[in-house]
Amino acid sequence: MMYDQTRAQQPAGQTRGPAERRAPGPEPLLPPTERDKILLRLRHALNTFADTPREALEEAEKAYDEATAQLVDALAERRRLLRAGWQDQAPGTESDELRHALRQYREITQRLLQL
């Protein structure tokens, strides 16, 4: 094994290259812009609670309702895409494609159970 001076000079916790990077996490269920809007509403509710508690609670409830509605829509779309990926396949579909669909169902179901 050869000594790599560049690598030796890097901080211990720094990612060293593409081969050593971690795989990206699962795709978010809500788009970041929509998630940020909901979080902004929730923060507003939290910040105004001392002055107007009832209005703050109503705002928090609206943020919750918006989050759940968007989550239900996102899950329905995810289900539609997953189902379309395997249900319309010919009977001789490769087992690798079906295995991939099964992994996707497992991933999304496990994520739901962790909520």
PDB file of N, CA and C in Angstrom:
ATOM      1  N   MET A   1       0.843  -1.174   0.000  1.00  0.00           N
ATOM      2  CA  MET A   1       0.000   0.000   0.000  1.00  0.00           C
ATOM      3  C   MET A   1       0.883   1.230   0.000  1.00  0.00           C
ATOM      4  N   MET A   2       0.568   2.172  -0.895  1.00  0.00           N
ATOM      5  CA  MET A   2       1.379   3.376  -1.020  1.00  0.00           C
ATOM      6  C   MET A   2       0.838   4.478  -0.120  1.00  0.00           C
ATOM      7  N   TYR A   3       1.730   5.341   0.299  1.00  0.00           N
ATOM      8  CA  TYR A   3       1.369   6.490   1.113  1.00  0.00           C
ATOM      9  C   TYR A   3       0.741   7.555   0.224  1.00  0.00           C
ATOM     10  N   ASP A   4      -0.409   8.068   0.603  1.00  0.00           N
ATOM     11  CA  ASP A   4      -1.105   9.104  -0.154  1.00  0.00           C
ATOM     12  C   ASP A   4      -1.039  10.392   0.657  1.00  0.00           C
ATOM     13  N   GLN A   5      -0.149  11.293   0.277  1.00  0.00           N
ATOM     14  CA  GLN A   5       0.083  12.517   1.039  1.00  0.00           C
ATOM     15  C   GLN A   5      -1.159  13.405   1.062  1.00  0.00           C
ATOM     16  N   THR A   6      -1.839  13.520  -0.058  1.00  0.00           N
ATOM     17  CA  THR A   6      -3.041  14.357  -0.112  1.00  0.00           C
ATOM     18  C   THR A   6      -4.102  13.832   0.842  1.00  0.00           C
ATOM     19  N   ARG A   7      -4.293  12.538   0.824  1.00  0.00           N
ATOM     20  CA  ARG A   7      -5.293  11.939   1.698  1.00  0.00           C
ATOM     21  C   ARG A   7      -4.893  12.077   3.159  1.00  0.00           C
ATOM     22  N   ALA A   8      -3.626  11.961   3.444  1.00  0.00           N
ATOM     23  CA  ALA A   8      -3.141  12.063   4.818  1.00  0.00           C
ATOM     24  C   ALA A   8      -3.345  13.464   5.384  1.00  0.00           C
ATOM     25  N   GLN A   9      -3.373  14.479   4.531  1.00  0.00           N
ATOM     26  CA  GLN A   9      -3.520  15.857   4.994  1.00  0.00           C
ATOM     27  C   GLN A   9      -4.978  16.268   5.177  1.00  0.00           C
ATOM     28  N   GLN A  10      -5.913  15.451   4.756  1.00  0.00           N
ATOM     29  CA  GLN A  10      -7.329  15.784   4.902  1.00  0.00           C
ATOM     30  C   GLN A  10      -7.779  15.523   6.335  1.00  0.00           C
ATOM     31  N   PRO A  11      -8.724  16.339   6.819  1.00  0.00           N
ATOM     32  CA  PRO A  11      -9.270  16.078   8.151  1.00  0.00           C
ATOM     33  C   PRO A  11      -9.916  14.692   8.201  1.00  0.00           C
ATOM     34  N   ALA A  12      -9.917  14.100   9.372  1.00  0.00           N
ATOM     35  CA  ALA A  12     -10.388  12.720   9.529  1.00  0.00           C
ATOM     36  C   ALA A  12     -11.834  12.521   9.097  1.00  0.00           C
ATOM     37  N   GLY A  13     -12.719  13.473   9.352  1.00  0.00           N
ATOM     38  CA  GLY A  13     -14.124  13.290   9.033  1.00  0.00           C
ATOM     39  C   GLY A  13     -14.518  13.690   7.628  1.00  0.00           C
ATOM     40  N   GLN A  14     -13.598  14.190   6.835  1.00  0.00           N
ATOM     41  CA  GLN A  14     -13.932  14.683   5.499  1.00  0.00           C
ATOM     42  C   GLN A  14     -14.152  13.540   4.523  1.00  0.00           C
ATOM     43  N   THR A  15     -15.171  13.701   3.667  1.00  0.00           N
ATOM     44  CA  THR A  15     -15.408  12.719   2.611  1.00  0.00           C
ATOM     45  C   THR A  15     -14.269  12.812   1.631  1.00  0.00           C
ATOM     46  N   ARG A  16     -13.759  11.678   1.214  1.00  0.00           N
ATOM     47  CA  ARG A  16     -12.534  11.677   0.430  1.00  0.00           C
ATOM     48  C   ARG A  16     -12.733  11.510  -1.061  1.00  0.00           C
ATOM     49  N   GLY A  17     -13.849  11.096  -1.499  1.00  0.00           N
ATOM     50  CA  GLY A  17     -14.037  10.923  -2.932  1.00  0.00           C
ATOM     51  C   GLY A  17     -15.363  10.285  -3.244  1.00  0.00           C
ATOM     52  N   PRO A  18     -15.716  10.254  -4.539  1.00  0.00           N
ATOM     53  CA  PRO A  18     -17.009   9.695  -4.928  1.00  0.00           C
ATOM     54  C   PRO A  18     -17.205   8.249  -4.499  1.00  0.00           C
ATOM     55  N   ALA A  19     -16.165   7.468  -4.541  1.00  0.00           N
ATOM     56  CA  ALA A  19     -16.297   6.051  -4.186  1.00  0.00           C
ATOM     57  C   ALA A  19     -16.612   5.870  -2.708  1.00  0.00           C
ATOM     58  N   GLU A  20     -16.208   6.838  -1.887  1.00  0.00           N
ATOM     59  CA  GLU A  20     -16.396   6.702  -0.447  1.00  0.00           C
ATOM     60  C   GLU A  20     -17.620   7.457   0.070  1.00  0.00           C
ATOM     61  N   ARG A  21     -18.309   8.174  -0.784  1.00  0.00           N
ATOM     62  CA  ARG A  21     -19.494   8.912  -0.353  1.00  0.00           C
ATOM     63  C   ARG A  21     -20.629   7.944  -0.068  1.00  0.00           C
ATOM     64  N   ARG A  22     -21.473   8.340   0.867  1.00  0.00           N
ATOM     65  CA  ARG A  22     -22.628   7.517   1.204  1.00  0.00           C
ATOM     66  C   ARG A  22     -23.684   7.651   0.120  1.00  0.00           C
ATOM     67  N   ALA A  23     -24.457   6.620  -0.019  1.00  0.00           N
ATOM     68  CA  ALA A  23     -25.559   6.653  -0.977  1.00  0.00           C
ATOM     69  C   ALA A  23     -26.589   7.677  -0.505  1.00  0.00           C
ATOM     70  N   PRO A  24     -27.233   8.375  -1.428  1.00  0.00           N
ATOM     71  CA  PRO A  24     -28.231   9.357  -1.018  1.00  0.00           C
ATOM     72  C   PRO A  24     -29.392   8.678  -0.310  1.00  0.00           C
ATOM     73  N   GLY A  25     -30.018   9.419   0.574  1.00  0.00           N
ATOM     74  CA  GLY A  25     -31.152   8.884   1.302  1.00  0.00           C
ATOM     75  C   GLY A  25     -32.379   8.799   0.417  1.00  0.00           C
ATOM     76  N   PRO A  26     -33.467   8.314   0.982  1.00  0.00           N
ATOM     77  CA  PRO A  26     -34.688   8.201   0.189  1.00  0.00           C
ATOM     78  C   PRO A  26     -35.192   9.575  -0.240  1.00  0.00           C
ATOM     79  N   GLU A  27     -35.910   9.577  -1.335  1.00  0.00           N
ATOM     80  CA  GLU A  27     -36.474  10.811  -1.866  1.00  0.00           C
ATOM     81  C   GLU A  27     -37.497  11.370  -0.876  1.00  0.00           C
ATOM     82  N   PRO A  28     -37.470  12.687  -0.633  1.00  0.00           N
ATOM     83  CA  PRO A  28     -38.451  13.252   0.306  1.00  0.00           C
ATOM     84  C   PRO A  28     -39.879  13.067  -0.210  1.00  0.00           C
ATOM     85  N   LEU A  29     -40.807  12.888   0.703  1.00  0.00           N
ATOM     86  CA  LEU A  29     -42.196  12.693   0.310  1.00  0.00           C
ATOM     87  C   LEU A  29     -42.829  13.991  -0.186  1.00  0.00           C
ATOM     88  N   LEU A  30     -42.424  15.116   0.388  1.00  0.00           N
ATOM     89  CA  LEU A  30     -42.929  16.413  -0.049  1.00  0.00           C
ATOM     90  C   LEU A  30     -41.798  17.198  -0.696  1.00  0.00           C
ATOM     91  N   PRO A  31     -42.117  17.976  -1.715  1.00  0.00           N
ATOM     92  CA  PRO A  31     -41.079  18.822  -2.314  1.00  0.00           C
ATOM     93  C   PRO A  31     -40.557  19.813  -1.271  1.00  0.00           C
ATOM     94  N   PRO A  32     -39.273  20.123  -1.301  1.00  0.00           N
ATOM     95  CA  PRO A  32     -38.695  21.028  -0.301  1.00  0.00           C
ATOM     96  C   PRO A  32     -39.408  22.377  -0.211  1.00  0.00           C
ATOM     97  N   THR A  33     -39.845  22.935  -1.319  1.00  0.00           N
ATOM     98  CA  THR A  33     -40.516  24.240  -1.263  1.00  0.00           C
ATOM     99  C   THR A  33     -41.833  24.151  -0.504  1.00  0.00           C
ATOM    100  N   GLU A  34     -42.580  23.086  -0.725  1.00  0.00           N
ATOM    101  CA  GLU A  34     -43.850  22.913  -0.009  1.00  0.00           C
ATOM    102  C   GLU A  34     -43.601  22.654   1.472  1.00  0.00           C
ATOM    103  N   ARG A  35     -42.621  21.827   1.763  1.00  0.00           N
ATOM    104  CA  ARG A  35     -42.275  21.546   3.160  1.00  0.00           C
ATOM    105  C   ARG A  35     -41.861  22.828   3.873  1.00  0.00           C
ATOM    106  N   ASP A  36     -41.065  23.661   3.188  1.00  0.00           N
ATOM    107  CA  ASP A  36     -40.600  24.911   3.787  1.00  0.00           C
ATOM    108  C   ASP A  36     -41.754  25.868   4.068  1.00  0.00           C
ATOM    109  N   LYS A  37     -42.743  25.919   3.179  1.00  0.00           N
ATOM    110  CA  LYS A  37     -43.912  26.783   3.396  1.00  0.00           C
ATOM    111  C   LYS A  37     -44.673  26.354   4.653  1.00  0.00           C
ATOM    112  N   ILE A  38     -44.841  25.055   4.804  1.00  0.00           N
ATOM    113  CA  ILE A  38     -45.565  24.546   5.970  1.00  0.00           C
ATOM    114  C   ILE A  38     -44.775  24.832   7.246  1.00  0.00           C
ATOM    115  N   LEU A  39     -43.472  24.619   7.193  1.00  0.00           N
ATOM    116  CA  LEU A  39     -42.641  24.900   8.367  1.00  0.00           C
ATOM    117  C   LEU A  39     -42.662  26.378   8.729  1.00  0.00           C
ATOM    118  N   LEU A  40     -42.710  27.241   7.735  1.00  0.00           N
ATOM    119  CA  LEU A  40     -42.787  28.681   7.980  1.00  0.00           C
ATOM    120  C   LEU A  40     -44.090  29.030   8.698  1.00  0.00           C
ATOM    121  N   ARG A  41     -45.187  28.427   8.263  1.00  0.00           N
ATOM    122  CA  ARG A  41     -46.474  28.653   8.940  1.00  0.00           C
ATOM    123  C   ARG A  41     -46.421  28.172  10.387  1.00  0.00           C
ATOM    124  N   LEU A  42     -45.812  27.018  10.594  1.00  0.00           N
ATOM    125  CA  LEU A  42     -45.719  26.476  11.943  1.00  0.00           C
ATOM    126  C   LEU A  42     -44.847  27.361  12.832  1.00  0.00           C
ATOM    127  N   ARG A  43     -43.714  27.822  12.299  1.00  0.00           N
ATOM    128  CA  ARG A  43     -42.848  28.730  13.072  1.00  0.00           C
ATOM    129  C   ARG A  43     -43.582  30.018  13.426  1.00  0.00           C
ATOM    130  N   HIS A  44     -44.356  30.529  12.469  1.00  0.00           N
ATOM    131  CA  HIS A  44     -45.132  31.742  12.730  1.00  0.00           C
ATOM    132  C   HIS A  44     -46.098  31.500  13.888  1.00  0.00           C
ATOM    133  N   ALA A  45     -46.759  30.359  13.880  1.00  0.00           N
ATOM    134  CA  ALA A  45     -47.680  30.021  14.962  1.00  0.00           C
ATOM    135  C   ALA A  45     -46.947  29.954  16.298  1.00  0.00           C
ATOM    136  N   LEU A  46     -45.792  29.336  16.310  1.00  0.00           N
ATOM    137  CA  LEU A  46     -45.024  29.218  17.554  1.00  0.00           C
ATOM    138  C   LEU A  46     -44.560  30.582  18.054  1.00  0.00           C
ATOM    139  N   ASN A  47     -44.151  31.439  17.130  1.00  0.00           N
ATOM    140  CA  ASN A  47     -43.631  32.757  17.509  1.00  0.00           C
ATOM    141  C   ASN A  47     -44.719  33.722  17.961  1.00  0.00           C
ATOM    142  N   THR A  48     -45.954  33.503  17.573  1.00  0.00           N
ATOM    143  CA  THR A  48     -47.037  34.422  17.948  1.00  0.00           C
ATOM    144  C   THR A  48     -47.894  33.896  19.094  1.00  0.00           C
ATOM    145  N   PHE A  49     -47.556  32.741  19.620  1.00  0.00           N
ATOM    146  CA  PHE A  49     -48.375  32.128  20.665  1.00  0.00           C
ATOM    147  C   PHE A  49     -48.509  33.012  21.903  1.00  0.00           C
ATOM    148  N   ALA A  50     -47.430  33.636  22.336  1.00  0.00           N
ATOM    149  CA  ALA A  50     -47.472  34.440  23.562  1.00  0.00           C
ATOM    150  C   ALA A  50     -48.451  35.608  23.435  1.00  0.00           C
ATOM    151  N   ASP A  51     -48.524  36.213  22.266  1.00  0.00           N
ATOM    152  CA  ASP A  51     -49.400  37.369  22.065  1.00  0.00           C
ATOM    153  C   ASP A  51     -50.832  36.972  21.716  1.00  0.00           C
ATOM    154  N   THR A  52     -50.980  35.957  20.902  1.00  0.00           N
ATOM    155  CA  THR A  52     -52.314  35.541  20.435  1.00  0.00           C
ATOM    156  C   THR A  52     -52.394  34.010  20.414  1.00  0.00           C
ATOM    157  N   PRO A  53     -52.558  33.410  21.582  1.00  0.00           N
ATOM    158  CA  PRO A  53     -52.512  31.947  21.660  1.00  0.00           C
ATOM    159  C   PRO A  53     -53.560  31.238  20.799  1.00  0.00           C
ATOM    160  N   ARG A  54     -54.789  31.721  20.807  1.00  0.00           N
ATOM    161  CA  ARG A  54     -55.833  31.039  20.035  1.00  0.00           C
ATOM    162  C   ARG A  54     -55.541  31.111  18.538  1.00  0.00           C
ATOM    163  N   GLU A  55     -55.137  32.279  18.045  1.00  0.00           N
ATOM    164  CA  GLU A  55     -54.809  32.424  16.627  1.00  0.00           C
ATOM    165  C   GLU A  55     -53.596  31.572  16.261  1.00  0.00           C
ATOM    166  N   ALA A  56     -52.644  31.489  17.187  1.00  0.00           N
ATOM    167  CA  ALA A  56     -51.455  30.670  16.941  1.00  0.00           C
ATOM    168  C   ALA A  56     -51.836  29.196  16.806  1.00  0.00           C
ATOM    169  N   LEU A  57     -52.745  28.750  17.669  1.00  0.00           N
ATOM    170  CA  LEU A  57     -53.197  27.359  17.583  1.00  0.00           C
ATOM    171  C   LEU A  57     -53.966  27.102  16.290  1.00  0.00           C
ATOM    172  N   GLU A  58     -54.762  28.064  15.868  1.00  0.00           N
ATOM    173  CA  GLU A  58     -55.479  27.904  14.600  1.00  0.00           C
ATOM    174  C   GLU A  58     -54.499  27.831  13.429  1.00  0.00           C
ATOM    175  N   GLU A  59     -53.457  28.652  13.481  1.00  0.00           N
ATOM    176  CA  GLU A  59     -52.437  28.623  12.425  1.00  0.00           C
ATOM    177  C   GLU A  59     -51.681  27.291  12.435  1.00  0.00           C
ATOM    178  N   ALA A  60     -51.368  26.789  13.626  1.00  0.00           N
ATOM    179  CA  ALA A  60     -50.686  25.494  13.736  1.00  0.00           C
ATOM    180  C   ALA A  60     -51.578  24.377  13.197  1.00  0.00           C
ATOM    181  N   GLU A  61     -52.867  24.462  13.478  1.00  0.00           N
ATOM    182  CA  GLU A  61     -53.799  23.458  12.961  1.00  0.00           C
ATOM    183  C   GLU A  61     -53.860  23.505  11.435  1.00  0.00           C
ATOM    184  N   LYS A  62     -53.859  24.702  10.866  1.00  0.00           N
ATOM    185  CA  LYS A  62     -53.866  24.840   9.406  1.00  0.00           C
ATOM    186  C   LYS A  62     -52.586  24.264   8.796  1.00  0.00           C
ATOM    187  N   ALA A  63     -51.462  24.492   9.449  1.00  0.00           N
ATOM    188  CA  ALA A  63     -50.195  23.933   8.965  1.00  0.00           C
ATOM    189  C   ALA A  63     -50.248  22.406   9.000  1.00  0.00           C
ATOM    190  N   TYR A  64     -50.792  21.868  10.080  1.00  0.00           N
ATOM    191  CA  TYR A  64     -50.938  20.412  10.200  1.00  0.00           C
ATOM    192  C   TYR A  64     -51.855  19.863   9.110  1.00  0.00           C
ATOM    193  N   ASP A  65     -52.997  20.522   8.920  1.00  0.00           N
ATOM    194  CA  ASP A  65     -53.943  20.073   7.893  1.00  0.00           C
ATOM    195  C   ASP A  65     -53.319  20.116   6.506  1.00  0.00           C
ATOM    196  N   GLU A  66     -52.571  21.177   6.229  1.00  0.00           N
ATOM    197  CA  GLU A  66     -51.912  21.293   4.926  1.00  0.00           C
ATOM    198  C   GLU A  66     -50.865  20.192   4.746  1.00  0.00           C
ATOM    199  N   ALA A  67     -50.101  19.934   5.800  1.00  0.00           N
ATOM    200  CA  ALA A  67     -49.071  18.891   5.728  1.00  0.00           C
ATOM    201  C   ALA A  67     -49.694  17.519   5.485  1.00  0.00           C
ATOM    202  N   THR A  68     -50.762  17.209   6.214  1.00  0.00           N
ATOM    203  CA  THR A  68     -51.375  15.893   6.034  1.00  0.00           C
ATOM    204  C   THR A  68     -52.022  15.759   4.655  1.00  0.00           C
ATOM    205  N   ALA A  69     -52.661  16.821   4.174  1.00  0.00           N
ATOM    206  CA  ALA A  69     -53.281  16.761   2.844  1.00  0.00           C
ATOM    207  C   ALA A  69     -52.223  16.554   1.761  1.00  0.00           C
ATOM    208  N   GLN A  70     -51.128  17.286   1.865  1.00  0.00           N
ATOM    209  CA  GLN A  70     -50.070  17.128   0.865  1.00  0.00           C
ATOM    210  C   GLN A  70     -49.413  15.759   0.963  1.00  0.00           C
ATOM    211  N   LEU A  71     -49.278  15.252   2.171  1.00  0.00           N
ATOM    212  CA  LEU A  71     -48.699  13.924   2.353  1.00  0.00           C
ATOM    213  C   LEU A  71     -49.601  12.847   1.746  1.00  0.00           C
ATOM    214  N   VAL A  72     -50.899  12.951   1.973  1.00  0.00           N
ATOM    215  CA  VAL A  72     -51.842  11.989   1.387  1.00  0.00           C
ATOM    216  C   VAL A  72     -51.760  12.039  -0.134  1.00  0.00           C
ATOM    217  N   ASP A  73     -51.720  13.249  -0.696  1.00  0.00           N
ATOM    218  CA  ASP A  73     -51.613  13.381  -2.157  1.00  0.00           C
ATOM    219  C   ASP A  73     -50.309  12.785  -2.677  1.00  0.00           C
ATOM    220  N   ALA A  74     -49.213  13.065  -1.969  1.00  0.00           N
ATOM    221  CA  ALA A  74     -47.906  12.552  -2.397  1.00  0.00           C
ATOM    222  C   ALA A  74     -47.863  11.030  -2.327  1.00  0.00           C
ATOM    223  N   LEU A  75     -48.452  10.458  -1.283  1.00  0.00           N
ATOM    224  CA  LEU A  75     -48.473   8.998  -1.149  1.00  0.00           C
ATOM    225  C   LEU A  75     -49.355   8.355  -2.217  1.00  0.00           C
ATOM    226  N   ALA A  76     -50.461   8.991  -2.546  1.00  0.00           N
ATOM    227  CA  ALA A  76     -51.327   8.456  -3.602  1.00  0.00           C
ATOM    228  C   ALA A  76     -50.601   8.473  -4.943  1.00  0.00           C
ATOM    229  N   GLU A  77     -49.875   9.544  -5.217  1.00  0.00           N
ATOM    230  CA  GLU A  77     -49.116   9.622  -6.470  1.00  0.00           C
ATOM    231  C   GLU A  77     -47.996   8.585  -6.491  1.00  0.00           C
ATOM    232  N   ARG A  78     -47.314   8.417  -5.359  1.00  0.00           N
ATOM    233  CA  ARG A  78     -46.249   7.416  -5.266  1.00  0.00           C
ATOM    234  C   ARG A  78     -46.815   6.029  -5.515  1.00  0.00           C
ATOM    235  N   ARG A  79     -47.977   5.742  -4.937  1.00  0.00           N
ATOM    236  CA  ARG A  79     -48.625   4.438  -5.130  1.00  0.00           C
ATOM    237  C   ARG A  79     -48.986   4.234  -6.598  1.00  0.00           C
ATOM    238  N   ARG A  80     -49.529   5.271  -7.230  1.00  0.00           N
ATOM    239  CA  ARG A  80     -49.908   5.173  -8.635  1.00  0.00           C
ATOM    240  C   ARG A  80     -48.691   4.856  -9.501  1.00  0.00           C
ATOM    241  N   LEU A  81     -47.582   5.551  -9.239  1.00  0.00           N
ATOM    242  CA  LEU A  81     -46.366   5.318 -10.019  1.00  0.00           C
ATOM    243  C   LEU A  81     -45.792   3.926  -9.776  1.00  0.00           C
ATOM    244  N   LEU A  82     -45.798   3.497  -8.523  1.00  0.00           N
ATOM    245  CA  LEU A  82     -45.294   2.155  -8.210  1.00  0.00           C
ATOM    246  C   LEU A  82     -46.132   1.087  -8.909  1.00  0.00           C
ATOM    247  N   ARG A  83     -47.425   1.220  -8.801  1.00  0.00           N
ATOM    248  CA  ARG A  83     -48.318   0.225  -9.400  1.00  0.00           C
ATOM    249  C   ARG A  83     -48.169   0.203 -10.919  1.00  0.00           C
ATOM    250  N   ALA A  84     -48.081   1.368 -11.537  1.00  0.00           N
ATOM    251  CA  ALA A  84     -47.936   1.432 -13.000  1.00  0.00           C
ATOM    252  C   ALA A  84     -46.636   0.782 -13.448  1.00  0.00           C
ATOM    253  N   GLY A  85     -45.629   0.800 -12.573  1.00  0.00           N
ATOM    254  CA  GLY A  85     -44.339   0.230 -12.920  1.00  0.00           C
ATOM    255  C   GLY A  85     -44.320  -1.283 -13.017  1.00  0.00           C
ATOM    256  N   TRP A  86     -45.249  -1.958 -12.376  1.00  0.00           N
ATOM    257  CA  TRP A  86     -45.230  -3.424 -12.433  1.00  0.00           C
ATOM    258  C   TRP A  86     -46.541  -4.030 -12.906  1.00  0.00           C
ATOM    259  N   GLN A  87     -47.666  -3.365 -12.659  1.00  0.00           N
ATOM    260  CA  GLN A  87     -48.948  -3.985 -12.965  1.00  0.00           C
ATOM    261  C   GLN A  87     -49.180  -4.138 -14.468  1.00  0.00           C
ATOM    262  N   ASP A  88     -48.705  -3.199 -15.257  1.00  0.00           N
ATOM    263  CA  ASP A  88     -48.930  -3.252 -16.699  1.00  0.00           C
ATOM    264  C   ASP A  88     -47.846  -4.030 -17.442  1.00  0.00           C
ATOM    265  N   GLN A  89     -46.977  -4.687 -16.708  1.00  0.00           N
ATOM    266  CA  GLN A  89     -45.900  -5.459 -17.325  1.00  0.00           C
ATOM    267  C   GLN A  89     -46.435  -6.783 -17.867  1.00  0.00           C
ATOM    268  N   ALA A  90     -45.765  -7.273 -18.870  1.00  0.00           N
ATOM    269  CA  ALA A  90     -46.122  -8.575 -19.442  1.00  0.00           C
ATOM    270  C   ALA A  90     -45.855  -9.675 -18.415  1.00  0.00           C
ATOM    271  N   PRO A  91     -46.551 -10.807 -18.534  1.00  0.00           N
ATOM    272  CA  PRO A  91     -46.359 -11.906 -17.584  1.00  0.00           C
ATOM    273  C   PRO A  91     -44.905 -12.379 -17.486  1.00  0.00           C
ATOM    274  N   GLY A  92     -44.117 -12.224 -18.528  1.00  0.00           N
ATOM    275  CA  GLY A  92     -42.729 -12.676 -18.508  1.00  0.00           C
ATOM    276  C   GLY A  92     -41.754 -11.619 -18.016  1.00  0.00           C
ATOM    277  N   THR A  93     -42.231 -10.640 -17.259  1.00  0.00           N
ATOM    278  CA  THR A  93     -41.377  -9.562 -16.774  1.00  0.00           C
ATOM    279  C   THR A  93     -40.225 -10.130 -15.960  1.00  0.00           C
ATOM    280  N   GLU A  94     -39.066  -9.549 -16.174  1.00  0.00           N
ATOM    281  CA  GLU A  94     -37.869  -9.988 -15.450  1.00  0.00           C
ATOM    282  C   GLU A  94     -38.081  -9.867 -13.944  1.00  0.00           C
ATOM    283  N   SER A  95     -37.607 -10.853 -13.230  1.00  0.00           N
ATOM    284  CA  SER A  95     -37.773 -10.829 -11.776  1.00  0.00           C
ATOM    285  C   SER A  95     -36.993  -9.682 -11.147  1.00  0.00           C
ATOM    286  N   ASP A  96     -35.926  -9.203 -11.798  1.00  0.00           N
ATOM    287  CA  ASP A  96     -35.182  -8.062 -11.256  1.00  0.00           C
ATOM    288  C   ASP A  96     -36.049  -6.809 -11.220  1.00  0.00           C
ATOM    289  N   GLU A  97     -36.856  -6.600 -12.242  1.00  0.00           N
ATOM    290  CA  GLU A  97     -37.748  -5.444 -12.270  1.00  0.00           C
ATOM    291  C   GLU A  97     -38.807  -5.557 -11.178  1.00  0.00           C
ATOM    292  N   LEU A  98     -39.335  -6.752 -10.998  1.00  0.00           N
ATOM    293  CA  LEU A  98     -40.329  -6.971  -9.953  1.00  0.00           C
ATOM    294  C   LEU A  98     -39.697  -6.839  -8.571  1.00  0.00           C
ATOM    295  N   ARG A  99     -38.475  -7.307  -8.428  1.00  0.00           N
ATOM    296  CA  ARG A  99     -37.756  -7.189  -7.159  1.00  0.00           C
ATOM    297  C   ARG A  99     -37.537  -5.715  -6.815  1.00  0.00           C
ATOM    298  N   HIS A 100     -37.209  -4.927  -7.825  1.00  0.00           N
ATOM    299  CA  HIS A 100     -37.015  -3.487  -7.618  1.00  0.00           C
ATOM    300  C   HIS A 100     -38.317  -2.838  -7.125  1.00  0.00           C
ATOM    301  N   ALA A 101     -39.436  -3.215  -7.722  1.00  0.00           N
ATOM    302  CA  ALA A 101     -40.733  -2.685  -7.288  1.00  0.00           C
ATOM    303  C   ALA A 101     -41.026  -3.094  -5.846  1.00  0.00           C
ATOM    304  N   LEU A 102     -40.710  -4.330  -5.502  1.00  0.00           N
ATOM    305  CA  LEU A 102     -40.925  -4.803  -4.136  1.00  0.00           C
ATOM    306  C   LEU A 102     -40.074  -4.010  -3.147  1.00  0.00           C
ATOM    307  N   ARG A 103     -38.822  -3.730  -3.514  1.00  0.00           N
ATOM    308  CA  ARG A 103     -37.953  -2.922  -2.644  1.00  0.00           C
ATOM    309  C   ARG A 103     -38.540  -1.529  -2.434  1.00  0.00           C
ATOM    310  N   GLN A 104     -39.108  -0.960  -3.492  1.00  0.00           N
ATOM    311  CA  GLN A 104     -39.710   0.368  -3.364  1.00  0.00           C
ATOM    312  C   GLN A 104     -40.913   0.333  -2.426  1.00  0.00           C
ATOM    313  N   TYR A 105     -41.748  -0.694  -2.542  1.00  0.00           N
ATOM    314  CA  TYR A 105     -42.878  -0.839  -1.618  1.00  0.00           C
ATOM    315  C   TYR A 105     -42.379  -1.000  -0.181  1.00  0.00           C
ATOM    316  N   ARG A 106     -41.356  -1.803   0.004  1.00  0.00           N
ATOM    317  CA  ARG A 106     -40.804  -2.013   1.347  1.00  0.00           C
ATOM    318  C   ARG A 106     -40.296  -0.701   1.922  1.00  0.00           C
ATOM    319  N   GLU A 107     -39.541   0.055   1.122  1.00  0.00           N
ATOM    320  CA  GLU A 107     -38.971   1.318   1.598  1.00  0.00           C
ATOM    321  C   GLU A 107     -40.049   2.300   2.031  1.00  0.00           C
ATOM    322  N   ILE A 108     -41.044   2.509   1.189  1.00  0.00           N
ATOM    323  CA  ILE A 108     -42.071   3.496   1.518  1.00  0.00           C
ATOM    324  C   ILE A 108     -42.922   3.035   2.699  1.00  0.00           C
ATOM    325  N   THR A 109     -43.203   1.739   2.789  1.00  0.00           N
ATOM    326  CA  THR A 109     -43.986   1.223   3.912  1.00  0.00           C
ATOM    327  C   THR A 109     -43.215   1.365   5.217  1.00  0.00           C
ATOM    328  N   GLN A 110     -41.919   1.066   5.204  1.00  0.00           N
ATOM    329  CA  GLN A 110     -41.109   1.223   6.412  1.00  0.00           C
ATOM    330  C   GLN A 110     -41.034   2.686   6.832  1.00  0.00           C
ATOM    331  N   ARG A 111     -40.911   3.574   5.865  1.00  0.00           N
ATOM    332  CA  ARG A 111     -40.890   5.002   6.196  1.00  0.00           C
ATOM    333  C   ARG A 111     -42.198   5.431   6.840  1.00  0.00           C
ATOM    334  N   LEU A 112     -43.313   4.929   6.332  1.00  0.00           N
ATOM    335  CA  LEU A 112     -44.615   5.269   6.912  1.00  0.00           C
ATOM    336  C   LEU A 112     -44.737   4.755   8.344  1.00  0.00           C
ATOM    337  N   LEU A 113     -44.244   3.562   8.577  1.00  0.00           N
ATOM    338  CA  LEU A 113     -44.341   2.982   9.913  1.00  0.00           C
ATOM    339  C   LEU A 113     -43.441   3.679  10.926  1.00  0.00           C
ATOM    340  N   GLN A 114     -42.473   4.446  10.457  1.00  0.00           N
ATOM    341  CA  GLN A 114     -41.580   5.174  11.357  1.00  0.00           C
ATOM    342  C   GLN A 114     -42.096   6.570  11.694  1.00  0.00           C
ATOM    343  N   LEU A 115     -43.202   6.970  11.093  1.00  0.00           N
ATOM    344  CA  LEU A 115     -43.767   8.296  11.391  1.00  0.00           C
ATOM    345  C   LEU A 115     -44.296   8.348  12.794  1.00  0.00           C
TER     346      LEU A 115
END
